[in-house]
Structure formats: C-alpha cells, structure tokens
Amino acid sequence: MLRDGVVGSVNKVVSEAVFTSVGGNNGNVPVPTIAVIRFHRDEILAWLWMPWMLNRIAKFCVDMDLDTSVPELLDMIRMLFASGDSRLVLYGVAKDGGLVGHLLALPEPVNAAPPWDYLLIRQAQTDPKVDVRGEARQVMEAVKTWAKAMKVRRIVMLTPRNHRAMARKWGFVFYKTLMKLDVGDGDG
C-alpha cells in the first residue's frame, strides 16, 4: 500500500498531467480539472491512474456485484491492459485529482475470437453529486464507436439499480430478465 505522502505526490503529478492534457493555462488560473481517460496500454495517464481504477472496480464488485470474483476480474483487467488487448473497454473520468466515474465493458464471450455476440457493460458508475454528464456522453459514444468497429451489433448491461434510469439516460430497452435461485451452500 502506498503511503499518504506518496499518494499525495502521485495525485499532484496526475492532476497536473490531466490539467495539461485538457489544455491547461500554464498554472496561471486555478480551475477544476476534468478529463476522460481511456485505459489502454498506449495511454500514459492510464498507467498513472490504474491502481485507483482497480480499487474502484473492486469496490464496485463488493458494493454491487457480489457474484463476480474480484481477484479474477482484476487479474483479467491487468492482463488485458498490459497486453494492449482490444477486448478491454475501460474508461475513467478524473476530476480534481481523483477518479469520479468509470465504465468497464467486455465483449462476450470474452474468451472467443471476434466477431463477438455482444458487448457487456459490467460496470458503469459516477460519484454522487459530481456533474460529469458531458464526459459520460463522451464515454458512451466511444463505447458505441468501439462496438461498431468490432462489428458488435448489441450492447447489453446488467444493473442492480433503476433500469428505467438507464433507458431514459442512454436509450437502453428491456431485453431479458435475469433470474436467481439460491441453492444453499452445497452441503445438502
């Protein structure tokens, strides 16, 4: 784990890099910084932000997606990211030295060769009371562009939250119902 001083230094460097990358004014006027970061091996900011992104993804799993194995998902993300694999569709929104939103999507079946059946948005979350509507639209357009380029015809999403909000916001329509049956711990 990083010490607070190291984290503070990294946050300052990352904030300055984000500010510069979005057309900063050489530090003359302190303004909030905001940037969309594509998490791909070729993006320098992605390498800087990846530890925080992995923590954010793990927290999402613990809070909202208890069916996902956190270590397996994080290992897969690390492998896809480090190898520059196009299957990883991962975006973050950085603002004022912190990640305030992210989207993680993978084509399904993930271990198959293209063309894939669909792109599954596994996680999409923004922090409460942070206005990133413009950046969210930018990320969604990038996801659609990726899907079209890869000849994926359908984007699907599971949400533990209000599905009507996703329909209103992004135009998702009802597709399938996911059912669950708990069978105990397997001892009987």
N, C-alpha and C. Protein backbone atom coordinates (compact mmCIF):
# COMPACT_ATOMS: atom_id res chain seq x y z
N MET A 1 0.84 -1.18 0.00
CA MET A 1 0.00 0.00 0.00
C MET A 1 0.88 1.24 0.00
N LEU A 2 0.47 2.26 -0.73
CA LEU A 2 1.25 3.48 -0.83
C LEU A 2 1.06 4.34 0.41
N ARG A 3 2.11 4.99 0.84
CA ARG A 3 2.00 5.92 1.96
C ARG A 3 1.28 7.18 1.51
N ASP A 4 0.68 7.90 2.47
CA ASP A 4 -0.09 9.11 2.14
C ASP A 4 0.74 10.14 1.38
N GLY A 5 1.99 10.33 1.78
CA GLY A 5 2.84 11.30 1.08
C GLY A 5 3.06 10.92 -0.37
N VAL A 6 3.26 9.63 -0.61
CA VAL A 6 3.46 9.16 -1.98
C VAL A 6 2.18 9.34 -2.79
N VAL A 7 1.04 8.96 -2.18
CA VAL A 7 -0.24 9.12 -2.87
C VAL A 7 -0.48 10.59 -3.18
N GLY A 8 -0.23 11.47 -2.23
CA GLY A 8 -0.40 12.91 -2.46
C GLY A 8 0.47 13.40 -3.60
N SER A 9 1.73 12.94 -3.66
CA SER A 9 2.63 13.34 -4.74
C SER A 9 2.15 12.82 -6.08
N VAL A 10 1.71 11.56 -6.09
CA VAL A 10 1.20 10.98 -7.33
C VAL A 10 -0.05 11.73 -7.78
N ASN A 11 -0.96 12.01 -6.84
CA ASN A 11 -2.17 12.75 -7.19
C ASN A 11 -1.84 14.11 -7.78
N LYS A 12 -0.83 14.80 -7.22
CA LYS A 12 -0.44 16.10 -7.73
C LYS A 12 0.11 15.97 -9.15
N VAL A 13 0.97 14.99 -9.38
CA VAL A 13 1.53 14.77 -10.72
C VAL A 13 0.42 14.42 -11.70
N VAL A 14 -0.47 13.52 -11.29
CA VAL A 14 -1.56 13.12 -12.16
C VAL A 14 -2.48 14.30 -12.45
N SER A 15 -2.81 15.08 -11.42
CA SER A 15 -3.67 16.24 -11.63
C SER A 15 -3.04 17.22 -12.60
N GLU A 16 -1.74 17.47 -12.45
CA GLU A 16 -1.06 18.37 -13.37
C GLU A 16 -1.05 17.80 -14.78
N ALA A 17 -0.85 16.49 -14.90
CA ALA A 17 -0.85 15.86 -16.21
C ALA A 17 -2.23 15.96 -16.84
N VAL A 18 -3.27 15.72 -16.06
CA VAL A 18 -4.64 15.82 -16.58
C VAL A 18 -4.91 17.25 -16.99
N PHE A 19 -4.54 18.21 -16.16
CA PHE A 19 -4.78 19.61 -16.47
C PHE A 19 -4.09 19.99 -17.78
N THR A 20 -2.82 19.58 -17.92
CA THR A 20 -2.08 19.87 -19.13
C THR A 20 -2.72 19.20 -20.34
N SER A 21 -3.18 17.95 -20.16
CA SER A 21 -3.72 17.21 -21.30
C SER A 21 -5.05 17.77 -21.79
N VAL A 22 -5.74 18.54 -20.96
CA VAL A 22 -7.01 19.11 -21.39
C VAL A 22 -6.88 20.61 -21.67
N GLY A 23 -5.66 21.05 -21.94
CA GLY A 23 -5.46 22.43 -22.36
C GLY A 23 -5.35 23.41 -21.21
N GLY A 24 -4.58 23.06 -20.19
CA GLY A 24 -4.39 23.95 -19.05
C GLY A 24 -3.75 25.26 -19.46
N ASN A 25 -3.79 26.23 -18.57
CA ASN A 25 -3.29 27.57 -18.90
C ASN A 25 -1.96 27.85 -18.20
N ASN A 26 -1.08 26.89 -18.18
CA ASN A 26 0.25 27.02 -17.58
C ASN A 26 0.20 27.40 -16.11
N GLY A 27 -0.87 27.04 -15.43
CA GLY A 27 -0.96 27.27 -14.00
C GLY A 27 -1.31 28.70 -13.60
N ASN A 28 -1.66 29.56 -14.57
CA ASN A 28 -1.97 30.94 -14.24
C ASN A 28 -3.26 31.09 -13.45
N VAL A 29 -4.27 30.28 -13.73
CA VAL A 29 -5.55 30.38 -13.06
C VAL A 29 -5.92 29.00 -12.53
N PRO A 30 -6.13 28.85 -11.22
CA PRO A 30 -6.52 27.54 -10.70
C PRO A 30 -7.97 27.24 -11.08
N VAL A 31 -8.16 26.21 -11.89
CA VAL A 31 -9.50 25.80 -12.30
C VAL A 31 -9.63 24.30 -12.08
N PRO A 32 -10.85 23.81 -11.87
CA PRO A 32 -11.02 22.37 -11.73
C PRO A 32 -10.57 21.66 -13.01
N THR A 33 -9.96 20.52 -12.84
CA THR A 33 -9.52 19.74 -13.98
C THR A 33 -10.44 18.54 -14.15
N ILE A 34 -10.72 18.21 -15.40
CA ILE A 34 -11.55 17.05 -15.67
C ILE A 34 -11.10 16.46 -16.99
N ALA A 35 -11.03 15.15 -17.04
CA ALA A 35 -10.61 14.50 -18.27
C ALA A 35 -11.18 13.09 -18.33
N VAL A 36 -11.47 12.66 -19.54
CA VAL A 36 -11.83 11.27 -19.79
C VAL A 36 -10.54 10.54 -20.12
N ILE A 37 -10.33 9.42 -19.47
CA ILE A 37 -9.11 8.63 -19.69
C ILE A 37 -9.51 7.28 -20.25
N ARG A 38 -8.96 6.96 -21.40
CA ARG A 38 -9.13 5.63 -21.99
C ARG A 38 -8.03 4.76 -21.39
N PHE A 39 -8.43 3.67 -20.76
CA PHE A 39 -7.45 2.80 -20.13
C PHE A 39 -6.97 1.78 -21.14
N HIS A 40 -5.89 2.17 -21.79
CA HIS A 40 -5.23 1.32 -22.78
C HIS A 40 -3.73 1.44 -22.55
N ARG A 41 -3.02 0.40 -22.88
CA ARG A 41 -1.58 0.35 -22.66
C ARG A 41 -0.84 1.55 -23.25
N ASP A 42 -1.33 2.11 -24.34
CA ASP A 42 -0.64 3.21 -25.02
C ASP A 42 -0.92 4.58 -24.41
N GLU A 43 -1.79 4.65 -23.42
CA GLU A 43 -2.15 5.93 -22.80
C GLU A 43 -1.37 6.11 -21.50
N ILE A 44 -0.50 7.12 -21.45
CA ILE A 44 0.34 7.35 -20.28
C ILE A 44 -0.50 7.58 -19.02
N LEU A 45 -1.54 8.40 -19.13
CA LEU A 45 -2.37 8.67 -17.96
C LEU A 45 -3.02 7.41 -17.42
N ALA A 46 -3.32 6.46 -18.29
CA ALA A 46 -3.93 5.21 -17.84
C ALA A 46 -3.00 4.46 -16.90
N TRP A 47 -1.72 4.45 -17.19
CA TRP A 47 -0.77 3.77 -16.31
C TRP A 47 -0.73 4.46 -14.94
N LEU A 48 -0.77 5.78 -14.95
CA LEU A 48 -0.74 6.52 -13.69
C LEU A 48 -1.99 6.27 -12.84
N TRP A 49 -3.13 6.16 -13.49
CA TRP A 49 -4.40 6.02 -12.79
C TRP A 49 -4.81 4.58 -12.50
N MET A 50 -4.14 3.61 -13.09
CA MET A 50 -4.59 2.22 -12.99
C MET A 50 -4.75 1.71 -11.55
N PRO A 51 -3.85 1.99 -10.62
CA PRO A 51 -4.08 1.48 -9.25
C PRO A 51 -5.41 1.97 -8.66
N TRP A 52 -5.75 3.23 -8.90
CA TRP A 52 -7.01 3.78 -8.39
C TRP A 52 -8.20 3.18 -9.13
N MET A 53 -8.03 2.93 -10.42
CA MET A 53 -9.11 2.32 -11.18
C MET A 53 -9.39 0.91 -10.68
N LEU A 54 -8.34 0.13 -10.44
CA LEU A 54 -8.54 -1.23 -9.94
C LEU A 54 -9.23 -1.22 -8.57
N ASN A 55 -8.86 -0.28 -7.72
CA ASN A 55 -9.54 -0.16 -6.42
C ASN A 55 -11.01 0.19 -6.60
N ARG A 56 -11.29 1.07 -7.54
CA ARG A 56 -12.68 1.49 -7.80
C ARG A 56 -13.51 0.31 -8.32
N ILE A 57 -12.93 -0.47 -9.23
CA ILE A 57 -13.62 -1.64 -9.78
C ILE A 57 -13.88 -2.67 -8.68
N ALA A 58 -12.88 -2.90 -7.84
CA ALA A 58 -13.04 -3.86 -6.74
C ALA A 58 -14.14 -3.40 -5.79
N LYS A 59 -14.16 -2.12 -5.46
CA LYS A 59 -15.19 -1.59 -4.56
C LYS A 59 -16.57 -1.75 -5.17
N PHE A 60 -16.69 -1.51 -6.47
CA PHE A 60 -17.98 -1.70 -7.15
C PHE A 60 -18.44 -3.15 -7.00
N CYS A 61 -17.52 -4.09 -7.19
CA CYS A 61 -17.87 -5.51 -7.04
C CYS A 61 -18.37 -5.81 -5.64
N VAL A 62 -17.67 -5.31 -4.64
CA VAL A 62 -18.05 -5.57 -3.25
C VAL A 62 -19.39 -4.93 -2.92
N ASP A 63 -19.62 -3.72 -3.43
CA ASP A 63 -20.86 -2.99 -3.11
C ASP A 63 -22.06 -3.45 -3.92
N MET A 64 -21.84 -3.84 -5.19
CA MET A 64 -22.99 -4.05 -6.07
C MET A 64 -23.00 -5.34 -6.87
N ASP A 65 -21.89 -6.04 -6.93
CA ASP A 65 -21.82 -7.21 -7.82
C ASP A 65 -21.15 -8.36 -7.08
N LEU A 66 -21.84 -8.90 -6.11
CA LEU A 66 -21.26 -9.94 -5.26
C LEU A 66 -21.02 -11.25 -6.01
N ASP A 67 -21.55 -11.41 -7.22
CA ASP A 67 -21.37 -12.63 -8.00
C ASP A 67 -20.03 -12.68 -8.71
N THR A 68 -19.34 -11.56 -8.79
CA THR A 68 -18.07 -11.51 -9.50
C THR A 68 -16.92 -11.78 -8.55
N SER A 69 -15.98 -12.62 -8.98
CA SER A 69 -14.76 -12.85 -8.21
C SER A 69 -13.82 -11.66 -8.44
N VAL A 70 -13.62 -10.87 -7.40
CA VAL A 70 -12.80 -9.67 -7.53
C VAL A 70 -11.38 -10.01 -8.00
N PRO A 71 -10.68 -10.98 -7.38
CA PRO A 71 -9.32 -11.27 -7.84
C PRO A 71 -9.27 -11.70 -9.32
N GLU A 72 -10.23 -12.53 -9.73
CA GLU A 72 -10.24 -12.97 -11.13
C GLU A 72 -10.48 -11.82 -12.09
N LEU A 73 -11.44 -10.95 -11.75
CA LEU A 73 -11.73 -9.80 -12.62
C LEU A 73 -10.53 -8.86 -12.70
N LEU A 74 -9.91 -8.56 -11.56
CA LEU A 74 -8.76 -7.66 -11.57
C LEU A 74 -7.58 -8.26 -12.32
N ASP A 75 -7.36 -9.56 -12.17
CA ASP A 75 -6.29 -10.23 -12.93
C ASP A 75 -6.54 -10.14 -14.42
N MET A 76 -7.80 -10.36 -14.83
CA MET A 76 -8.13 -10.29 -16.25
C MET A 76 -7.91 -8.86 -16.78
N ILE A 77 -8.33 -7.86 -16.02
CA ILE A 77 -8.14 -6.47 -16.44
C ILE A 77 -6.66 -6.15 -16.57
N ARG A 78 -5.87 -6.56 -15.58
CA ARG A 78 -4.41 -6.32 -15.64
C ARG A 78 -3.81 -6.95 -16.89
N MET A 79 -4.19 -8.19 -17.16
CA MET A 79 -3.64 -8.91 -18.32
C MET A 79 -4.05 -8.23 -19.63
N LEU A 80 -5.33 -7.89 -19.77
CA LEU A 80 -5.80 -7.25 -20.99
C LEU A 80 -5.16 -5.88 -21.17
N PHE A 81 -5.04 -5.13 -20.08
CA PHE A 81 -4.46 -3.79 -20.13
C PHE A 81 -2.98 -3.85 -20.52
N ALA A 82 -2.21 -4.68 -19.82
CA ALA A 82 -0.77 -4.75 -20.06
C ALA A 82 -0.44 -5.24 -21.46
N SER A 83 -1.30 -6.09 -22.01
CA SER A 83 -1.04 -6.63 -23.34
C SER A 83 -1.61 -5.73 -24.45
N GLY A 84 -2.36 -4.71 -24.08
CA GLY A 84 -2.96 -3.83 -25.09
C GLY A 84 -4.10 -4.49 -25.84
N ASP A 85 -4.73 -5.45 -25.21
CA ASP A 85 -5.81 -6.23 -25.84
C ASP A 85 -7.03 -5.35 -26.09
N SER A 86 -7.55 -5.40 -27.30
CA SER A 86 -8.69 -4.55 -27.67
C SER A 86 -9.99 -4.96 -26.99
N ARG A 87 -10.02 -6.13 -26.36
CA ARG A 87 -11.25 -6.55 -25.68
C ARG A 87 -11.55 -5.71 -24.44
N LEU A 88 -10.56 -5.07 -23.87
CA LEU A 88 -10.77 -4.26 -22.68
C LEU A 88 -11.34 -2.89 -23.08
N VAL A 89 -12.55 -2.63 -22.68
CA VAL A 89 -13.18 -1.33 -22.90
C VAL A 89 -13.32 -0.72 -21.51
N LEU A 90 -12.39 0.15 -21.17
CA LEU A 90 -12.33 0.71 -19.82
C LEU A 90 -12.03 2.20 -19.91
N TYR A 91 -12.92 2.98 -19.33
CA TYR A 91 -12.78 4.43 -19.31
C TYR A 91 -12.95 4.93 -17.89
N GLY A 92 -12.24 6.00 -17.58
CA GLY A 92 -12.39 6.66 -16.30
C GLY A 92 -12.56 8.15 -16.50
N VAL A 93 -13.18 8.79 -15.55
CA VAL A 93 -13.30 10.25 -15.55
C VAL A 93 -12.55 10.74 -14.32
N ALA A 94 -11.54 11.56 -14.57
CA ALA A 94 -10.73 12.12 -13.49
C ALA A 94 -11.09 13.59 -13.32
N LYS A 95 -11.26 13.97 -12.06
CA LYS A 95 -11.59 15.37 -11.77
C LYS A 95 -10.92 15.76 -10.46
N ASP A 96 -10.22 16.87 -10.49
CA ASP A 96 -9.60 17.42 -9.29
C ASP A 96 -8.77 16.40 -8.52
N GLY A 97 -7.99 15.61 -9.23
CA GLY A 97 -7.07 14.68 -8.58
C GLY A 97 -7.66 13.36 -8.14
N GLY A 98 -8.86 13.02 -8.59
CA GLY A 98 -9.46 11.74 -8.21
C GLY A 98 -10.32 11.19 -9.33
N LEU A 99 -10.53 9.89 -9.31
CA LEU A 99 -11.45 9.27 -10.26
C LEU A 99 -12.87 9.45 -9.73
N VAL A 100 -13.75 9.96 -10.58
CA VAL A 100 -15.13 10.22 -10.17
C VAL A 100 -16.13 9.42 -10.99
N GLY A 101 -15.64 8.62 -11.92
CA GLY A 101 -16.52 7.80 -12.73
C GLY A 101 -15.73 6.77 -13.51
N HIS A 102 -16.40 5.68 -13.86
CA HIS A 102 -15.74 4.67 -14.70
C HIS A 102 -16.77 3.84 -15.43
N LEU A 103 -16.33 3.23 -16.50
CA LEU A 103 -17.12 2.27 -17.26
C LEU A 103 -16.19 1.13 -17.65
N LEU A 104 -16.65 -0.10 -17.38
CA LEU A 104 -15.92 -1.31 -17.73
C LEU A 104 -16.83 -2.17 -18.58
N ALA A 105 -16.37 -2.52 -19.76
CA ALA A 105 -17.15 -3.39 -20.65
C ALA A 105 -16.22 -4.40 -21.29
N LEU A 106 -16.77 -5.57 -21.56
CA LEU A 106 -16.02 -6.65 -22.22
C LEU A 106 -16.94 -7.33 -23.23
N PRO A 107 -16.37 -7.74 -24.36
CA PRO A 107 -17.19 -8.48 -25.32
C PRO A 107 -17.48 -9.88 -24.80
N GLU A 108 -18.59 -10.43 -25.20
CA GLU A 108 -18.96 -11.78 -24.79
C GLU A 108 -19.18 -12.66 -25.99
N PRO A 109 -18.77 -13.90 -25.95
CA PRO A 109 -17.98 -14.50 -24.88
C PRO A 109 -16.55 -13.96 -24.92
N VAL A 110 -16.03 -13.58 -23.76
CA VAL A 110 -14.76 -12.86 -23.68
C VAL A 110 -13.59 -13.69 -24.18
N ASN A 111 -13.66 -15.01 -24.06
CA ASN A 111 -12.54 -15.85 -24.49
C ASN A 111 -12.63 -16.30 -25.95
N ALA A 112 -13.64 -15.82 -26.67
CA ALA A 112 -13.81 -16.19 -28.07
C ALA A 112 -13.12 -15.16 -28.97
N ALA A 113 -12.91 -15.56 -30.20
CA ALA A 113 -12.37 -14.64 -31.19
C ALA A 113 -13.52 -13.83 -31.79
N PRO A 114 -13.21 -12.65 -32.33
CA PRO A 114 -14.27 -11.87 -32.97
C PRO A 114 -14.82 -12.63 -34.18
N PRO A 115 -16.02 -12.37 -34.60
CA PRO A 115 -16.92 -11.36 -34.05
C PRO A 115 -17.60 -11.88 -32.78
N TRP A 116 -17.77 -10.96 -31.84
CA TRP A 116 -18.39 -11.32 -30.58
C TRP A 116 -19.90 -11.16 -30.67
N ASP A 117 -20.61 -11.83 -29.78
CA ASP A 117 -22.07 -11.76 -29.76
C ASP A 117 -22.57 -10.39 -29.32
N TYR A 118 -21.95 -9.85 -28.28
CA TYR A 118 -22.39 -8.56 -27.76
C TYR A 118 -21.31 -7.99 -26.85
N LEU A 119 -21.45 -6.72 -26.54
CA LEU A 119 -20.57 -6.06 -25.58
C LEU A 119 -21.35 -5.92 -24.29
N LEU A 120 -20.79 -6.44 -23.20
CA LEU A 120 -21.44 -6.38 -21.90
C LEU A 120 -20.82 -5.27 -21.06
N ILE A 121 -21.63 -4.27 -20.71
CA ILE A 121 -21.16 -3.25 -19.77
C ILE A 121 -21.30 -3.86 -18.39
N ARG A 122 -20.17 -4.18 -17.80
CA ARG A 122 -20.16 -4.83 -16.49
C ARG A 122 -20.29 -3.84 -15.35
N GLN A 123 -19.70 -2.67 -15.55
CA GLN A 123 -19.76 -1.64 -14.51
C GLN A 123 -19.86 -0.27 -15.18
N ALA A 124 -20.70 0.57 -14.64
CA ALA A 124 -20.80 1.97 -15.05
C ALA A 124 -21.25 2.74 -13.82
N GLN A 125 -20.42 3.66 -13.39
CA GLN A 125 -20.73 4.37 -12.15
C GLN A 125 -20.07 5.74 -12.14
N THR A 126 -20.83 6.72 -11.66
CA THR A 126 -20.26 8.03 -11.38
C THR A 126 -20.52 8.35 -9.91
N ASP A 127 -19.65 9.13 -9.34
CA ASP A 127 -19.81 9.51 -7.94
C ASP A 127 -21.02 10.43 -7.79
N PRO A 128 -21.69 10.32 -6.66
CA PRO A 128 -22.84 11.20 -6.43
C PRO A 128 -22.41 12.66 -6.36
N LYS A 129 -23.28 13.52 -6.82
CA LYS A 129 -23.10 14.98 -6.74
C LYS A 129 -21.89 15.48 -7.52
N VAL A 130 -21.46 14.73 -8.53
CA VAL A 130 -20.38 15.17 -9.40
C VAL A 130 -20.97 15.24 -10.81
N ASP A 131 -20.95 16.41 -11.40
CA ASP A 131 -21.54 16.59 -12.72
C ASP A 131 -20.55 16.18 -13.81
N VAL A 132 -20.75 15.01 -14.36
CA VAL A 132 -19.91 14.51 -15.46
C VAL A 132 -20.78 14.09 -16.64
N ARG A 133 -21.92 14.77 -16.81
CA ARG A 133 -22.84 14.40 -17.90
C ARG A 133 -22.17 14.47 -19.26
N GLY A 134 -21.42 15.52 -19.51
CA GLY A 134 -20.74 15.65 -20.80
C GLY A 134 -19.70 14.55 -21.00
N GLU A 135 -18.96 14.26 -19.96
CA GLU A 135 -17.94 13.21 -20.04
C GLU A 135 -18.60 11.84 -20.19
N ALA A 136 -19.72 11.62 -19.51
CA ALA A 136 -20.44 10.34 -19.64
C ALA A 136 -20.91 10.15 -21.08
N ARG A 137 -21.41 11.21 -21.70
CA ARG A 137 -21.82 11.11 -23.12
C ARG A 137 -20.62 10.78 -23.99
N GLN A 138 -19.49 11.41 -23.71
CA GLN A 138 -18.27 11.15 -24.48
C GLN A 138 -17.85 9.68 -24.35
N VAL A 139 -17.90 9.14 -23.13
CA VAL A 139 -17.54 7.74 -22.91
C VAL A 139 -18.51 6.83 -23.66
N MET A 140 -19.80 7.10 -23.56
CA MET A 140 -20.78 6.24 -24.22
C MET A 140 -20.60 6.26 -25.74
N GLU A 141 -20.30 7.41 -26.29
CA GLU A 141 -20.04 7.48 -27.74
C GLU A 141 -18.80 6.67 -28.11
N ALA A 142 -17.77 6.72 -27.26
CA ALA A 142 -16.56 5.93 -27.51
C ALA A 142 -16.88 4.44 -27.46
N VAL A 143 -17.72 4.03 -26.54
CA VAL A 143 -18.11 2.62 -26.42
C VAL A 143 -18.88 2.19 -27.68
N LYS A 144 -19.79 3.03 -28.14
CA LYS A 144 -20.54 2.71 -29.36
C LYS A 144 -19.61 2.63 -30.56
N THR A 145 -18.66 3.54 -30.64
CA THR A 145 -17.68 3.52 -31.74
C THR A 145 -16.87 2.24 -31.71
N TRP A 146 -16.43 1.82 -30.52
CA TRP A 146 -15.69 0.57 -30.39
C TRP A 146 -16.54 -0.59 -30.88
N ALA A 147 -17.80 -0.64 -30.44
CA ALA A 147 -18.70 -1.74 -30.82
C ALA A 147 -18.88 -1.80 -32.33
N LYS A 148 -19.09 -0.66 -32.95
CA LYS A 148 -19.26 -0.64 -34.41
C LYS A 148 -17.99 -1.09 -35.12
N ALA A 149 -16.84 -0.63 -34.64
CA ALA A 149 -15.57 -1.00 -35.27
C ALA A 149 -15.31 -2.50 -35.16
N MET A 150 -15.76 -3.10 -34.07
CA MET A 150 -15.56 -4.53 -33.85
C MET A 150 -16.72 -5.38 -34.39
N LYS A 151 -17.65 -4.71 -35.06
CA LYS A 151 -18.81 -5.39 -35.66
C LYS A 151 -19.70 -6.08 -34.62
N VAL A 152 -19.75 -5.48 -33.44
CA VAL A 152 -20.65 -5.94 -32.39
C VAL A 152 -21.97 -5.20 -32.58
N ARG A 153 -23.05 -5.92 -32.69
CA ARG A 153 -24.34 -5.31 -33.00
C ARG A 153 -25.13 -4.87 -31.78
N ARG A 154 -24.75 -5.37 -30.62
CA ARG A 154 -25.59 -5.14 -29.45
C ARG A 154 -24.72 -4.84 -28.23
N ILE A 155 -25.14 -3.85 -27.46
CA ILE A 155 -24.52 -3.54 -26.17
C ILE A 155 -25.55 -3.86 -25.11
N VAL A 156 -25.18 -4.68 -24.14
CA VAL A 156 -26.11 -5.03 -23.06
C VAL A 156 -25.50 -4.63 -21.73
N MET A 157 -26.39 -4.50 -20.75
CA MET A 157 -25.94 -4.03 -19.45
C MET A 157 -26.80 -4.66 -18.36
N LEU A 158 -26.16 -5.10 -17.31
CA LEU A 158 -26.88 -5.53 -16.11
C LEU A 158 -26.80 -4.38 -15.11
N THR A 159 -27.89 -4.10 -14.44
CA THR A 159 -27.86 -3.04 -13.45
C THR A 159 -28.64 -3.45 -12.21
N PRO A 160 -28.01 -3.29 -11.04
CA PRO A 160 -28.74 -3.54 -9.80
C PRO A 160 -29.60 -2.33 -9.41
N ARG A 161 -29.48 -1.29 -10.18
CA ARG A 161 -30.20 -0.05 -9.88
C ARG A 161 -31.43 0.07 -10.76
N ASN A 162 -31.96 1.24 -10.88
CA ASN A 162 -33.18 1.51 -11.61
C ASN A 162 -32.95 1.36 -13.12
N HIS A 163 -33.53 0.33 -13.70
CA HIS A 163 -33.35 0.11 -15.14
C HIS A 163 -34.03 1.21 -15.96
N ARG A 164 -35.05 1.84 -15.41
CA ARG A 164 -35.72 2.93 -16.13
C ARG A 164 -34.78 4.12 -16.32
N ALA A 165 -33.91 4.36 -15.35
CA ALA A 165 -32.95 5.46 -15.47
C ALA A 165 -32.00 5.20 -16.64
N MET A 166 -31.58 3.95 -16.80
CA MET A 166 -30.68 3.62 -17.92
C MET A 166 -31.41 3.77 -19.26
N ALA A 167 -32.67 3.46 -19.29
CA ALA A 167 -33.46 3.63 -20.51
C ALA A 167 -33.59 5.12 -20.85
N ARG A 168 -33.92 5.92 -19.85
CA ARG A 168 -34.07 7.36 -20.10
C ARG A 168 -32.75 7.99 -20.51
N LYS A 169 -31.70 7.65 -19.79
CA LYS A 169 -30.40 8.31 -19.99
C LYS A 169 -29.73 7.89 -21.30
N TRP A 170 -29.72 6.58 -21.59
CA TRP A 170 -28.90 6.08 -22.69
C TRP A 170 -29.69 5.38 -23.78
N GLY A 171 -30.97 5.21 -23.61
CA GLY A 171 -31.76 4.56 -24.64
C GLY A 171 -31.76 3.05 -24.59
N PHE A 172 -31.29 2.47 -23.47
CA PHE A 172 -31.37 1.02 -23.33
C PHE A 172 -32.84 0.62 -23.27
N VAL A 173 -33.15 -0.56 -23.80
CA VAL A 173 -34.51 -1.08 -23.75
C VAL A 173 -34.49 -2.42 -23.04
N PHE A 174 -35.64 -2.81 -22.51
CA PHE A 174 -35.75 -4.10 -21.83
C PHE A 174 -35.35 -5.20 -22.81
N TYR A 175 -34.52 -6.14 -22.34
CA TYR A 175 -34.01 -7.19 -23.22
C TYR A 175 -34.30 -8.57 -22.65
N LYS A 176 -33.87 -8.84 -21.46
CA LYS A 176 -34.06 -10.13 -20.82
C LYS A 176 -34.24 -9.91 -19.32
N THR A 177 -34.74 -10.92 -18.66
CA THR A 177 -34.83 -10.89 -17.21
C THR A 177 -33.82 -11.87 -16.65
N LEU A 178 -33.03 -11.43 -15.72
CA LEU A 178 -32.06 -12.29 -15.06
C LEU A 178 -32.71 -12.82 -13.79
N MET A 179 -32.81 -14.11 -13.69
CA MET A 179 -33.44 -14.75 -12.53
C MET A 179 -32.35 -15.36 -11.65
N LYS A 180 -32.68 -15.58 -10.38
CA LYS A 180 -31.72 -16.15 -9.44
C LYS A 180 -32.43 -17.15 -8.55
N LEU A 181 -31.75 -18.25 -8.23
CA LEU A 181 -32.24 -19.24 -7.30
C LEU A 181 -31.09 -19.64 -6.41
N ASP A 182 -31.18 -19.33 -5.13
CA ASP A 182 -30.14 -19.74 -4.17
C ASP A 182 -30.39 -21.19 -3.79
N VAL A 183 -29.35 -22.00 -3.83
CA VAL A 183 -29.48 -23.42 -3.51
C VAL A 183 -28.71 -23.79 -2.25
N GLY A 184 -28.36 -22.82 -1.46
CA GLY A 184 -27.63 -23.11 -0.23
C GLY A 184 -26.14 -23.19 -0.49
N ASP A 185 -25.46 -23.82 0.47
CA ASP A 185 -24.00 -23.90 0.38
C ASP A 185 -23.49 -25.19 -0.23
N GLY A 186 -24.38 -26.01 -0.74
CA GLY A 186 -23.97 -27.24 -1.40
C GLY A 186 -23.77 -28.41 -0.48
N ASP A 187 -24.09 -28.26 0.80
CA ASP A 187 -23.90 -29.36 1.76
C ASP A 187 -25.10 -30.29 1.88
N GLY A 188 -26.14 -30.07 1.18
CA GLY A 188 -27.26 -30.94 1.44
C GLY A 188 -28.23 -30.97 0.38
